[in-house]
């Protein structure tokens, strides 16, 4: 056997079955002008539905008194609105003959129950909205000593004091408090309930320290072995913890 004969005998195609979604346009009247107007209204509702949609023209439900169908004209109306005719379904001899004349496949009348469909435009799912980014304010920095009777408040941010804090002075911050000089006044961190806030100071000699409303006064602090040392103060299980820096 020659190579050419061998190639000729090799299979070059397969026949397969498939359940394709094909739209059926069932014509109730032989009125192409009315069909054109009504299809245009449907296309306006859902343009994408009518984009290159495969179609079977069902002529088998036309009333007996309807005249002969202008089949090429009917197909042109459908094509103008994005419908591509693959075949017709017919039982009248004149309709079958018109299809054969233009080499259009003819399907037998269907006994299956077909449900009407209402073209709708696909709605894209809304993308989840990103939560707003938290507004982060720059750290408030104090470079001069904080005198008795003064109150310094860092709203929505940390507070850094690069100086001493005198008795009777008050530091407040929604975030952390850092004191790089002797801390002899009052320090209230996490003022609006931030339990993760901390207090850092180089020398703990405070009248009061507080985190998210939980506090210790000087009488309690003086009993701590880290009194006068560099410490960090944090909150855990509603208790203030003092540890060495």
C-alpha atoms as a PDB file:
ATOM      1  CA  UNK A   1       0.000   0.000   0.000  1.00  0.00           C
ATOM      2  CA  UNK A   2       1.353   3.353  -1.000  1.00  0.00           C
ATOM      3  CA  UNK A   3       1.720   6.217   1.519  1.00  0.00           C
ATOM      4  CA  UNK A   4      -0.992   8.118  -0.367  1.00  0.00           C
ATOM      5  CA  UNK A   5      -3.467   5.227  -0.051  1.00  0.00           C
ATOM      6  CA  UNK A   6      -2.618   4.903   3.642  1.00  0.00           C
ATOM      7  CA  UNK A   7      -3.398   8.576   4.229  1.00  0.00           C
ATOM      8  CA  UNK A   8      -6.693   8.303   2.321  1.00  0.00           C
ATOM      9  CA  UNK A   9      -7.879   5.487   4.593  1.00  0.00           C
ATOM     10  CA  UNK A  10      -7.025   7.350   7.839  1.00  0.00           C
ATOM     11  CA  UNK A  11     -10.207   8.865   9.385  1.00  0.00           C
ATOM     12  CA  UNK A  12     -10.402  12.628   8.897  1.00  0.00           C
ATOM     13  CA  UNK A  13     -13.690  13.266  10.732  1.00  0.00           C
ATOM     14  CA  UNK A  14     -16.087  11.969  13.384  1.00  0.00           C
ATOM     15  CA  UNK A  15     -19.846  12.400  13.721  1.00  0.00           C
ATOM     16  CA  UNK A  16     -20.876  13.364  17.229  1.00  0.00           C
ATOM     17  CA  UNK A  17     -24.095  14.333  18.964  1.00  0.00           C
ATOM     18  CA  UNK A  18     -24.515  17.430  21.100  1.00  0.00           C
ATOM     19  CA  UNK A  19     -27.294  19.214  22.957  1.00  0.00           C
ATOM     20  CA  UNK A  20     -26.967  22.751  21.615  1.00  0.00           C
ATOM     21  CA  UNK A  21     -28.975  25.692  22.902  1.00  0.00           C
ATOM     22  CA  UNK A  22     -30.853  26.939  19.843  1.00  0.00           C
ATOM     23  CA  UNK A  23     -33.564  29.592  19.944  1.00  0.00           C
ATOM     24  CA  UNK A  24     -36.836  28.840  18.173  1.00  0.00           C
ATOM     25  CA  UNK A  25     -38.748  31.750  16.659  1.00  0.00           C
ATOM     26  CA  UNK A  26     -42.321  30.540  16.351  1.00  0.00           C
ATOM     27  CA  UNK A  27     -44.183  32.684  13.828  1.00  0.00           C
ATOM     28  CA  UNK A  28     -47.847  33.364  14.647  1.00  0.00           C
ATOM     29  CA  UNK A  29     -48.632  35.688  11.706  1.00  0.00           C
ATOM     30  CA  UNK A  30     -47.265  36.290   8.237  1.00  0.00           C
ATOM     31  CA  UNK A  31     -46.440  39.954   8.793  1.00  0.00           C
ATOM     32  CA  UNK A  32     -42.772  40.819   8.254  1.00  0.00           C
ATOM     33  CA  UNK A  33     -43.213  44.543   9.003  1.00  0.00           C
ATOM     34  CA  UNK A  34     -44.756  43.838  12.408  1.00  0.00           C
ATOM     35  CA  UNK A  35     -42.075  41.213  13.063  1.00  0.00           C
ATOM     36  CA  UNK A  36     -39.340  43.764  12.254  1.00  0.00           C
ATOM     37  CA  UNK A  37     -40.783  46.314  14.700  1.00  0.00           C
ATOM     38  CA  UNK A  38     -41.329  43.827  17.491  1.00  0.00           C
ATOM     39  CA  UNK A  39     -37.867  42.278  17.138  1.00  0.00           C
ATOM     40  CA  UNK A  40     -36.324  45.765  17.271  1.00  0.00           C
ATOM     41  CA  UNK A  41     -38.117  46.361  20.582  1.00  0.00           C
ATOM     42  CA  UNK A  42     -36.774  43.055  21.976  1.00  0.00           C
ATOM     43  CA  UNK A  43     -33.244  43.858  20.829  1.00  0.00           C
ATOM     44  CA  UNK A  44     -33.429  47.213  22.621  1.00  0.00           C
ATOM     45  CA  UNK A  45     -34.192  45.354  25.858  1.00  0.00           C
ATOM     46  CA  UNK A  46     -31.317  42.872  25.593  1.00  0.00           C
ATOM     47  CA  UNK A  47     -28.837  43.598  22.767  1.00  0.00           C
ATOM     48  CA  UNK A  48     -26.356  40.881  23.752  1.00  0.00           C
ATOM     49  CA  UNK A  49     -29.020  38.169  23.657  1.00  0.00           C
ATOM     50  CA  UNK A  50     -29.531  38.797  19.928  1.00  0.00           C
ATOM     51  CA  UNK A  51     -25.857  38.832  18.973  1.00  0.00           C
ATOM     52  CA  UNK A  52     -25.243  35.994  16.459  1.00  0.00           C
ATOM     53  CA  UNK A  53     -27.944  33.833  18.038  1.00  0.00           C
ATOM     54  CA  UNK A  54     -28.532  30.497  16.210  1.00  0.00           C
ATOM     55  CA  UNK A  55     -32.179  30.205  15.211  1.00  0.00           C
ATOM     56  CA  UNK A  56     -34.780  27.746  14.003  1.00  0.00           C
ATOM     57  CA  UNK A  57     -37.737  29.401  12.257  1.00  0.00           C
ATOM     58  CA  UNK A  58     -40.886  27.548  13.299  1.00  0.00           C
ATOM     59  CA  UNK A  59     -43.562  27.967  10.629  1.00  0.00           C
ATOM     60  CA  UNK A  60     -45.606  24.917  11.625  1.00  0.00           C
ATOM     61  CA  UNK A  61     -47.906  26.903  13.934  1.00  0.00           C
ATOM     62  CA  UNK A  62     -49.037  29.452  11.350  1.00  0.00           C
ATOM     63  CA  UNK A  63     -52.833  29.570  10.932  1.00  0.00           C
ATOM     64  CA  UNK A  64     -54.155  27.788   7.893  1.00  0.00           C
ATOM     65  CA  UNK A  65     -55.390  31.005   6.255  1.00  0.00           C
ATOM     66  CA  UNK A  66     -51.987  32.719   6.219  1.00  0.00           C
ATOM     67  CA  UNK A  67     -50.492  33.251   2.765  1.00  0.00           C
ATOM     68  CA  UNK A  68     -47.147  32.002   1.473  1.00  0.00           C
ATOM     69  CA  UNK A  69     -44.111  33.117   3.477  1.00  0.00           C
ATOM     70  CA  UNK A  70     -41.398  35.237   1.862  1.00  0.00           C
ATOM     71  CA  UNK A  71     -38.736  32.995   3.376  1.00  0.00           C
ATOM     72  CA  UNK A  72     -35.639  34.942   2.146  1.00  0.00           C
ATOM     73  CA  UNK A  73     -37.271  38.173   3.371  1.00  0.00           C
ATOM     74  CA  UNK A  74     -38.066  36.573   6.736  1.00  0.00           C
ATOM     75  CA  UNK A  75     -34.444  35.460   7.114  1.00  0.00           C
ATOM     76  CA  UNK A  76     -33.206  38.974   6.225  1.00  0.00           C
ATOM     77  CA  UNK A  77     -35.375  40.499   8.970  1.00  0.00           C
ATOM     78  CA  UNK A  78     -33.977  38.004  11.465  1.00  0.00           C
ATOM     79  CA  UNK A  79     -30.382  38.602  10.343  1.00  0.00           C
ATOM     80  CA  UNK A  80     -30.784  42.376  10.721  1.00  0.00           C
ATOM     81  CA  UNK A  81     -31.489  41.767  14.395  1.00  0.00           C
ATOM     82  CA  UNK A  82     -28.608  39.350  15.007  1.00  0.00           C
ATOM     83  CA  UNK A  83     -30.505  36.066  14.512  1.00  0.00           C
ATOM     84  CA  UNK A  84     -28.795  33.510  12.262  1.00  0.00           C
ATOM     85  CA  UNK A  85     -31.263  31.024  10.713  1.00  0.00           C
ATOM     86  CA  UNK A  86     -29.960  27.438  10.736  1.00  0.00           C
ATOM     87  CA  UNK A  87     -33.140  25.651   9.635  1.00  0.00           C
ATOM     88  CA  UNK A  88     -36.901  25.919   9.445  1.00  0.00           C
ATOM     89  CA  UNK A  89     -39.586  23.756  10.973  1.00  0.00           C
ATOM     90  CA  UNK A  90     -42.549  23.461   8.664  1.00  0.00           C
ATOM     91  CA  UNK A  91     -45.433  21.278   7.572  1.00  0.00           C
ATOM     92  CA  UNK A  92     -46.882  23.279   4.647  1.00  0.00           C
ATOM     93  CA  UNK A  93     -45.686  22.150   1.237  1.00  0.00           C
ATOM     94  CA  UNK A  94     -45.018  25.700  -0.012  1.00  0.00           C
ATOM     95  CA  UNK A  95     -42.808  26.494   3.020  1.00  0.00           C
ATOM     96  CA  UNK A  96     -40.827  23.276   2.607  1.00  0.00           C
ATOM     97  CA  UNK A  97     -40.359  23.990  -1.110  1.00  0.00           C
ATOM     98  CA  UNK A  98     -39.167  27.553  -0.386  1.00  0.00           C
ATOM     99  CA  UNK A  99     -36.552  26.212   2.037  1.00  0.00           C
ATOM    100  CA  UNK A 100     -35.326  23.549  -0.379  1.00  0.00           C
ATOM    101  CA  UNK A 101     -34.987  26.214  -3.088  1.00  0.00           C
ATOM    102  CA  UNK A 102     -32.442  28.139  -0.990  1.00  0.00           C
ATOM    103  CA  UNK A 103     -30.778  24.982   0.383  1.00  0.00           C
ATOM    104  CA  UNK A 104     -32.061  25.551   3.953  1.00  0.00           C
ATOM    105  CA  UNK A 105     -32.541  22.442   6.128  1.00  0.00           C
ATOM    106  CA  UNK A 106     -36.138  21.523   6.987  1.00  0.00           C
ATOM    107  CA  UNK A 107     -37.008  19.989  10.353  1.00  0.00           C
ATOM    108  CA  UNK A 108     -40.247  18.099  11.013  1.00  0.00           C
ATOM    109  CA  UNK A 109     -42.861  19.668  13.328  1.00  0.00           C
ATOM    110  CA  UNK A 110     -41.880  19.234  16.970  1.00  0.00           C
ATOM    111  CA  UNK A 111     -44.065  17.449  19.488  1.00  0.00           C
ATOM    112  CA  UNK A 112     -41.915  18.629  22.390  1.00  0.00           C
ATOM    113  CA  UNK A 113     -43.228  21.253  24.780  1.00  0.00           C
ATOM    114  CA  UNK A 114     -41.244  24.444  24.366  1.00  0.00           C
ATOM    115  CA  UNK A 115     -41.376  27.134  26.997  1.00  0.00           C
ATOM    116  CA  UNK A 116     -41.397  30.802  26.001  1.00  0.00           C
ATOM    117  CA  UNK A 117     -38.270  32.739  26.904  1.00  0.00           C
ATOM    118  CA  UNK A 118     -38.008  36.420  27.671  1.00  0.00           C
ATOM    119  CA  UNK A 119     -34.660  37.868  26.569  1.00  0.00           C
ATOM    120  CA  UNK A 120     -32.974  39.733  29.388  1.00  0.00           C
ATOM    121  CA  UNK A 121     -29.649  41.483  29.513  1.00  0.00           C
ATOM    122  CA  UNK A 122     -27.128  39.731  31.711  1.00  0.00           C
ATOM    123  CA  UNK A 123     -26.381  41.735  34.808  1.00  0.00           C
ATOM    124  CA  UNK A 124     -22.758  41.798  35.817  1.00  0.00           C
ATOM    125  CA  UNK A 125     -22.323  41.043  39.500  1.00  0.00           C
ATOM    126  CA  UNK A 126     -21.357  44.068  41.455  1.00  0.00           C
ATOM    127  CA  UNK A 127     -17.822  44.101  42.668  1.00  0.00           C
ATOM    128  CA  UNK A 128     -17.640  44.197  46.440  1.00  0.00           C
ATOM    129  CA  UNK A 129     -16.925  47.667  47.628  1.00  0.00           C
ATOM    130  CA  UNK A 130     -13.642  48.080  49.410  1.00  0.00           C
ATOM    131  CA  UNK A 131     -14.033  49.372  52.938  1.00  0.00           C
ATOM    132  CA  UNK A 132     -12.702  52.875  53.330  1.00  0.00           C
ATOM    133  CA  UNK A 133      -9.060  53.033  54.271  1.00  0.00           C
ATOM    134  CA  UNK A 134      -8.586  54.133  57.850  1.00  0.00           C
ATOM    135  CA  UNK A 135      -7.447  57.702  58.179  1.00  0.00           C
ATOM    136  CA  UNK A 136      -3.991  57.624  59.743  1.00  0.00           C
ATOM    137  CA  UNK A 137      -2.859  60.896  61.194  1.00  0.00           C
ATOM    138  CA  UNK A 138       0.825  61.676  61.613  1.00  0.00           C
ATOM    139  CA  UNK A 139       2.329  61.169  65.058  1.00  0.00           C
ATOM    140  CA  UNK A 140       2.094  64.215  67.282  1.00  0.00           C
ATOM    141  CA  UNK A 141       5.588  65.168  68.528  1.00  0.00           C
ATOM    142  CA  UNK A 142       6.244  67.499  71.447  1.00  0.00           C
ATOM    143  CA  UNK A 143       9.834  68.694  71.820  1.00  0.00           C
ATOM    144  CA  UNK A 144       9.489  71.067  74.810  1.00  0.00           C
ATOM    145  CA  UNK A 145       8.751  70.130  78.455  1.00  0.00           C
ATOM    146  CA  UNK A 146       5.100  69.706  79.362  1.00  0.00           C
ATOM    147  CA  UNK A 147       4.396  71.885  82.417  1.00  0.00           C
ATOM    148  CA  UNK A 148       1.987  71.257  85.285  1.00  0.00           C
ATOM    149  CA  UNK A 149      -1.589  72.159  84.317  1.00  0.00           C
ATOM    150  CA  UNK A 150      -0.969  71.549  80.594  1.00  0.00           C
ATOM    151  CA  UNK A 151      -2.921  68.911  78.638  1.00  0.00           C
ATOM    152  CA  UNK A 152      -1.614  67.544  75.367  1.00  0.00           C
ATOM    153  CA  UNK A 153      -4.005  65.400  73.273  1.00  0.00           C
ATOM    154  CA  UNK A 154      -3.007  63.395  70.194  1.00  0.00           C
ATOM    155  CA  UNK A 155      -6.326  62.700  68.453  1.00  0.00           C
ATOM    156  CA  UNK A 156      -6.338  59.646  66.208  1.00  0.00           C
ATOM    157  CA  UNK A 157      -2.581  59.110  66.462  1.00  0.00           C
ATOM    158  CA  UNK A 158       0.421  58.435  68.721  1.00  0.00           C
ATOM    159  CA  UNK A 159       2.000  61.020  70.991  1.00  0.00           C
ATOM    160  CA  UNK A 160       5.759  61.398  71.374  1.00  0.00           C
ATOM    161  CA  UNK A 161       7.225  63.728  74.007  1.00  0.00           C
ATOM    162  CA  UNK A 162      10.979  64.309  73.692  1.00  0.00           C
ATOM    163  CA  UNK A 163      11.210  66.136  77.018  1.00  0.00           C
ATOM    164  CA  UNK A 164      10.115  65.873  80.624  1.00  0.00           C
ATOM    165  CA  UNK A 165       6.512  65.784  81.815  1.00  0.00           C
ATOM    166  CA  UNK A 166       5.961  67.656  85.077  1.00  0.00           C
ATOM    167  CA  UNK A 167       3.589  66.706  87.931  1.00  0.00           C
ATOM    168  CA  UNK A 168       0.078  67.973  87.165  1.00  0.00           C
ATOM    169  CA  UNK A 169       0.596  67.705  83.367  1.00  0.00           C
ATOM    170  CA  UNK A 170      -1.591  65.372  81.355  1.00  0.00           C
ATOM    171  CA  UNK A 171      -0.821  63.431  78.187  1.00  0.00           C
ATOM    172  CA  UNK A 172      -3.686  61.880  76.200  1.00  0.00           C
ATOM    173  CA  UNK A 173      -3.546  59.907  72.947  1.00  0.00           C
ATOM    174  CA  UNK A 174      -5.872  57.678  70.970  1.00  0.00           C
ATOM    175  CA  UNK A 175      -2.792  55.628  70.096  1.00  0.00           C
ATOM    176  CA  UNK A 176       0.475  55.016  71.969  1.00  0.00           C
ATOM    177  CA  UNK A 177       2.333  57.437  74.222  1.00  0.00           C
ATOM    178  CA  UNK A 178       6.140  57.686  74.181  1.00  0.00           C
ATOM    179  CA  UNK A 179       7.983  59.834  76.739  1.00  0.00           C
ATOM    180  CA  UNK A 180      11.759  60.191  76.391  1.00  0.00           C
ATOM    181  CA  UNK A 181      12.203  62.261  79.542  1.00  0.00           C
ATOM    182  CA  UNK A 182      11.073  61.787  83.170  1.00  0.00           C
ATOM    183  CA  UNK A 183       7.339  61.020  83.259  1.00  0.00           C
ATOM    184  CA  UNK A 184       5.901  62.603  86.426  1.00  0.00           C
ATOM    185  CA  UNK A 185       2.416  63.575  85.243  1.00  0.00           C
ATOM    186  CA  UNK A 186      -0.549  61.591  83.934  1.00  0.00           C
ATOM    187  CA  UNK A 187      -0.461  59.434  80.752  1.00  0.00           C
ATOM    188  CA  UNK A 188      -3.691  58.149  79.209  1.00  0.00           C
ATOM    189  CA  UNK A 189      -3.180  56.021  76.058  1.00  0.00           C
ATOM    190  CA  UNK A 190      -5.916  54.381  73.975  1.00  0.00           C
ATOM    191  CA  UNK A 191      -8.171  57.233  75.033  1.00  0.00           C
ATOM    192  CA  UNK A 192     -11.054  56.123  72.745  1.00  0.00           C
ATOM    193  CA  UNK A 193     -10.907  52.474  73.748  1.00  0.00           C
ATOM    194  CA  UNK A 194      -7.896  51.145  71.844  1.00  0.00           C
ATOM    195  CA  UNK A 195      -6.864  48.222  74.038  1.00  0.00           C
ATOM    196  CA  UNK A 196      -3.763  47.602  71.892  1.00  0.00           C
ATOM    197  CA  UNK A 197      -2.245  50.981  72.788  1.00  0.00           C
ATOM    198  CA  UNK A 198       0.883  51.133  74.963  1.00  0.00           C
ATOM    199  CA  UNK A 199       2.809  53.619  77.077  1.00  0.00           C
ATOM    200  CA  UNK A 200       6.590  53.823  76.765  1.00  0.00           C
ATOM    201  CA  UNK A 201       8.686  55.989  79.065  1.00  0.00           C
ATOM    202  CA  UNK A 202      12.359  56.296  79.982  1.00  0.00           C
ATOM    203  CA  UNK A 203      11.666  57.021  83.634  1.00  0.00           C
ATOM    204  CA  UNK A 204       8.384  55.960  85.270  1.00  0.00           C
ATOM    205  CA  UNK A 205       7.472  58.446  88.010  1.00  0.00           C
ATOM    206  CA  UNK A 206       3.880  59.039  86.944  1.00  0.00           C
ATOM    207  CA  UNK A 207       0.889  60.209  88.973  1.00  0.00           C
ATOM    208  CA  UNK A 208      -1.357  57.978  86.857  1.00  0.00           C
ATOM    209  CA  UNK A 209      -1.120  55.728  83.817  1.00  0.00           C
ATOM    210  CA  UNK A 210      -4.147  54.480  81.881  1.00  0.00           C
ATOM    211  CA  UNK A 211      -4.857  52.382  78.776  1.00  0.00           C
ATOM    212  CA  UNK A 212      -8.407  52.248  77.388  1.00  0.00           C
ATOM    213  CA  UNK A 213      -9.792  53.358  80.745  1.00  0.00           C
ATOM    214  CA  UNK A 214      -7.873  50.843  82.901  1.00  0.00           C
ATOM    215  CA  UNK A 215      -5.510  52.707  85.206  1.00  0.00           C
ATOM    216  CA  UNK A 216      -2.993  52.651  88.039  1.00  0.00           C
ATOM    217  CA  UNK A 217      -2.212  55.598  90.296  1.00  0.00           C
ATOM    218  CA  UNK A 218       1.138  56.536  91.816  1.00  0.00           C
ATOM    219  CA  UNK A 219       0.463  54.635  95.068  1.00  0.00           C
ATOM    220  CA  UNK A 220       0.202  51.403  93.057  1.00  0.00           C
ATOM    221  CA  UNK A 221       3.053  52.299  90.730  1.00  0.00           C
ATOM    222  CA  UNK A 222       5.506  53.055  93.557  1.00  0.00           C
ATOM    223  CA  UNK A 223       5.147  49.497  94.804  1.00  0.00           C
ATOM    224  CA  UNK A 224       6.294  48.159  91.447  1.00  0.00           C
ATOM    225  CA  UNK A 225      10.017  47.234  91.364  1.00  0.00           C
ATOM    226  CA  UNK A 226      10.327  49.048  87.999  1.00  0.00           C
ATOM    227  CA  UNK A 227       9.339  52.426  89.487  1.00  0.00           C
ATOM    228  CA  UNK A 228      11.807  55.008  88.193  1.00  0.00           C
ATOM    229  CA  UNK A 229      12.992  52.730  85.371  1.00  0.00           C
ATOM    230  CA  UNK A 230      12.459  52.656  81.633  1.00  0.00           C
ATOM    231  CA  UNK A 231       9.293  50.651  81.040  1.00  0.00           C
ATOM    232  CA  UNK A 232       6.514  49.806  78.626  1.00  0.00           C
ATOM    233  CA  UNK A 233       2.953  49.454  79.862  1.00  0.00           C
ATOM    234  CA  UNK A 234       0.371  47.309  78.069  1.00  0.00           C
ATOM    235  CA  UNK A 235      -3.117  45.977  78.733  1.00  0.00           C
ATOM    236  CA  UNK A 236      -3.914  42.286  79.038  1.00  0.00           C
ATOM    237  CA  UNK A 237      -7.158  40.792  80.417  1.00  0.00           C
ATOM    238  CA  UNK A 238      -8.149  44.211  81.801  1.00  0.00           C
ATOM    239  CA  UNK A 239      -4.898  44.395  83.762  1.00  0.00           C
ATOM    240  CA  UNK A 240      -2.032  46.826  83.206  1.00  0.00           C
ATOM    241  CA  UNK A 241       1.290  45.056  82.758  1.00  0.00           C
ATOM    242  CA  UNK A 242       4.544  46.911  83.383  1.00  0.00           C
ATOM    243  CA  UNK A 243       7.696  45.438  81.852  1.00  0.00           C
ATOM    244  CA  UNK A 244      11.229  46.708  81.454  1.00  0.00           C
ATOM    245  CA  UNK A 245      12.226  48.350  78.185  1.00  0.00           C
END
